[in-house]
């Protein structure tokens, strides 16, 4: 099990370097974090709020001072009952 997580982490870390050539060859600022931002927006639009907040929490690991992400997290925390969320849902994606 530990080996699986080790391989997954190594893949995530090297993902950005492998994908940069697909984005014009220029390094992209916060490339992986931006993917989580897009992912949370898609989940939100689909009404998949649990997955949306997990993507938000994952993004915040890369940039904890991002004001938009902080505002989105506050929004979901205020509306957690209406969205069917619990405090346990506010964890980064595995």
C-alpha atoms as a PDB file:
ATOM      1  CA  UNK A   1       0.000   0.000   0.000  1.00  0.00           C
ATOM      2  CA  UNK A   2       2.813   2.395   0.886  1.00  0.00           C
ATOM      3  CA  UNK A   3       4.481   1.652  -2.450  1.00  0.00           C
ATOM      4  CA  UNK A   4       1.275   2.583  -4.295  1.00  0.00           C
ATOM      5  CA  UNK A   5       1.086   5.963  -2.550  1.00  0.00           C
ATOM      6  CA  UNK A   6       4.789   6.534  -3.128  1.00  0.00           C
ATOM      7  CA  UNK A   7       4.363   5.898  -6.860  1.00  0.00           C
ATOM      8  CA  UNK A   8       1.254   8.092  -7.013  1.00  0.00           C
ATOM      9  CA  UNK A   9       3.107  10.945  -5.311  1.00  0.00           C
ATOM     10  CA  UNK A  10       6.085  10.598  -7.658  1.00  0.00           C
ATOM     11  CA  UNK A  11       3.707  10.679 -10.626  1.00  0.00           C
ATOM     12  CA  UNK A  12       1.952  13.817  -9.366  1.00  0.00           C
ATOM     13  CA  UNK A  13       5.252  15.579  -8.740  1.00  0.00           C
ATOM     14  CA  UNK A  14       6.601  14.801 -12.217  1.00  0.00           C
ATOM     15  CA  UNK A  15       3.267  15.451 -13.943  1.00  0.00           C
ATOM     16  CA  UNK A  16       3.874  19.166 -14.368  1.00  0.00           C
ATOM     17  CA  UNK A  17       7.268  18.697 -16.018  1.00  0.00           C
ATOM     18  CA  UNK A  18       5.854  16.154 -18.473  1.00  0.00           C
ATOM     19  CA  UNK A  19       2.833  18.268 -19.437  1.00  0.00           C
ATOM     20  CA  UNK A  20       4.559  21.636 -19.905  1.00  0.00           C
ATOM     21  CA  UNK A  21       5.518  20.848 -23.530  1.00  0.00           C
ATOM     22  CA  UNK A  22       1.808  20.359 -24.237  1.00  0.00           C
ATOM     23  CA  UNK A  23       1.112  23.931 -23.149  1.00  0.00           C
ATOM     24  CA  UNK A  24       3.388  25.684 -25.602  1.00  0.00           C
ATOM     25  CA  UNK A  25       6.664  24.689 -23.977  1.00  0.00           C
ATOM     26  CA  UNK A  26       6.541  27.577 -21.520  1.00  0.00           C
ATOM     27  CA  UNK A  27       6.481  26.839 -17.796  1.00  0.00           C
ATOM     28  CA  UNK A  28       3.011  27.500 -16.443  1.00  0.00           C
ATOM     29  CA  UNK A  29       2.656  29.173 -13.049  1.00  0.00           C
ATOM     30  CA  UNK A  30       0.878  26.943 -10.528  1.00  0.00           C
ATOM     31  CA  UNK A  31       0.076  24.403 -13.247  1.00  0.00           C
ATOM     32  CA  UNK A  32      -1.040  21.531 -10.985  1.00  0.00           C
ATOM     33  CA  UNK A  33      -2.839  23.876  -8.594  1.00  0.00           C
ATOM     34  CA  UNK A  34      -4.735  25.389 -11.521  1.00  0.00           C
ATOM     35  CA  UNK A  35      -5.947  21.926 -12.500  1.00  0.00           C
ATOM     36  CA  UNK A  36      -7.491  21.587  -9.028  1.00  0.00           C
ATOM     37  CA  UNK A  37      -9.098  25.009  -9.454  1.00  0.00           C
ATOM     38  CA  UNK A  38     -10.743  23.961 -12.739  1.00  0.00           C
ATOM     39  CA  UNK A  39     -11.698  20.635 -11.218  1.00  0.00           C
ATOM     40  CA  UNK A  40     -13.439  22.253  -8.244  1.00  0.00           C
ATOM     41  CA  UNK A  41     -15.397  24.535 -10.578  1.00  0.00           C
ATOM     42  CA  UNK A  42     -16.559  21.584 -12.687  1.00  0.00           C
ATOM     43  CA  UNK A  43     -17.615  19.632  -9.603  1.00  0.00           C
ATOM     44  CA  UNK A  44     -19.460  22.688  -8.278  1.00  0.00           C
ATOM     45  CA  UNK A  45     -21.358  23.165 -11.558  1.00  0.00           C
ATOM     46  CA  UNK A  46     -22.312  19.468 -11.508  1.00  0.00           C
ATOM     47  CA  UNK A  47     -23.585  19.785  -7.933  1.00  0.00           C
ATOM     48  CA  UNK A  48     -20.861  17.446  -6.658  1.00  0.00           C
ATOM     49  CA  UNK A  49     -20.075  19.622  -3.651  1.00  0.00           C
ATOM     50  CA  UNK A  50     -18.111  17.027  -1.679  1.00  0.00           C
ATOM     51  CA  UNK A  51     -15.679  16.594  -4.565  1.00  0.00           C
ATOM     52  CA  UNK A  52     -15.590  20.367  -5.140  1.00  0.00           C
ATOM     53  CA  UNK A  53     -14.454  21.121  -1.585  1.00  0.00           C
ATOM     54  CA  UNK A  54     -11.862  18.359  -1.742  1.00  0.00           C
ATOM     55  CA  UNK A  55     -10.429  19.902  -4.905  1.00  0.00           C
ATOM     56  CA  UNK A  56     -10.454  23.315  -3.185  1.00  0.00           C
ATOM     57  CA  UNK A  57      -8.603  21.892  -0.196  1.00  0.00           C
ATOM     58  CA  UNK A  58      -6.074  20.283  -2.554  1.00  0.00           C
ATOM     59  CA  UNK A  59      -5.518  23.596  -4.331  1.00  0.00           C
ATOM     60  CA  UNK A  60      -4.982  25.344  -1.006  1.00  0.00           C
ATOM     61  CA  UNK A  61      -2.053  23.008  -0.288  1.00  0.00           C
ATOM     62  CA  UNK A  62      -0.264  24.641  -3.236  1.00  0.00           C
ATOM     63  CA  UNK A  63      -1.336  28.229  -2.520  1.00  0.00           C
ATOM     64  CA  UNK A  64      -2.903  28.708   0.930  1.00  0.00           C
ATOM     65  CA  UNK A  65      -3.073  32.507   0.492  1.00  0.00           C
ATOM     66  CA  UNK A  66      -5.172  32.489  -2.707  1.00  0.00           C
ATOM     67  CA  UNK A  67      -8.103  34.796  -1.910  1.00  0.00           C
ATOM     68  CA  UNK A  68     -10.520  33.262  -4.442  1.00  0.00           C
ATOM     69  CA  UNK A  69      -9.961  29.786  -3.038  1.00  0.00           C
ATOM     70  CA  UNK A  70     -10.371  31.064   0.519  1.00  0.00           C
ATOM     71  CA  UNK A  71     -13.654  32.739  -0.453  1.00  0.00           C
ATOM     72  CA  UNK A  72     -14.892  29.568  -2.143  1.00  0.00           C
ATOM     73  CA  UNK A  73     -14.083  27.528   0.959  1.00  0.00           C
ATOM     74  CA  UNK A  74     -15.948  30.020   3.156  1.00  0.00           C
ATOM     75  CA  UNK A  75     -18.934  29.825   0.795  1.00  0.00           C
ATOM     76  CA  UNK A  76     -19.057  26.029   1.066  1.00  0.00           C
ATOM     77  CA  UNK A  77     -18.608  26.089   4.846  1.00  0.00           C
ATOM     78  CA  UNK A  78     -21.487  28.562   5.228  1.00  0.00           C
ATOM     79  CA  UNK A  79     -23.674  26.456   2.914  1.00  0.00           C
ATOM     80  CA  UNK A  80     -22.488  23.023   4.042  1.00  0.00           C
ATOM     81  CA  UNK A  81     -25.893  21.932   5.374  1.00  0.00           C
ATOM     82  CA  UNK A  82     -27.683  22.893   2.147  1.00  0.00           C
ATOM     83  CA  UNK A  83     -24.968  21.132   0.126  1.00  0.00           C
ATOM     84  CA  UNK A  84     -25.039  18.003   2.283  1.00  0.00           C
ATOM     85  CA  UNK A  85     -21.465  18.462   3.504  1.00  0.00           C
ATOM     86  CA  UNK A  86     -19.880  17.611   6.831  1.00  0.00           C
ATOM     87  CA  UNK A  87     -16.692  18.931   8.392  1.00  0.00           C
ATOM     88  CA  UNK A  88     -14.998  15.670   7.379  1.00  0.00           C
ATOM     89  CA  UNK A  89     -15.570  16.528   3.702  1.00  0.00           C
ATOM     90  CA  UNK A  90     -13.164  19.465   3.933  1.00  0.00           C
ATOM     91  CA  UNK A  91     -10.058  17.353   3.325  1.00  0.00           C
ATOM     92  CA  UNK A  92      -7.715  17.355   0.299  1.00  0.00           C
ATOM     93  CA  UNK A  93      -8.224  14.739  -2.379  1.00  0.00           C
ATOM     94  CA  UNK A  94      -6.261  11.542  -1.739  1.00  0.00           C
END
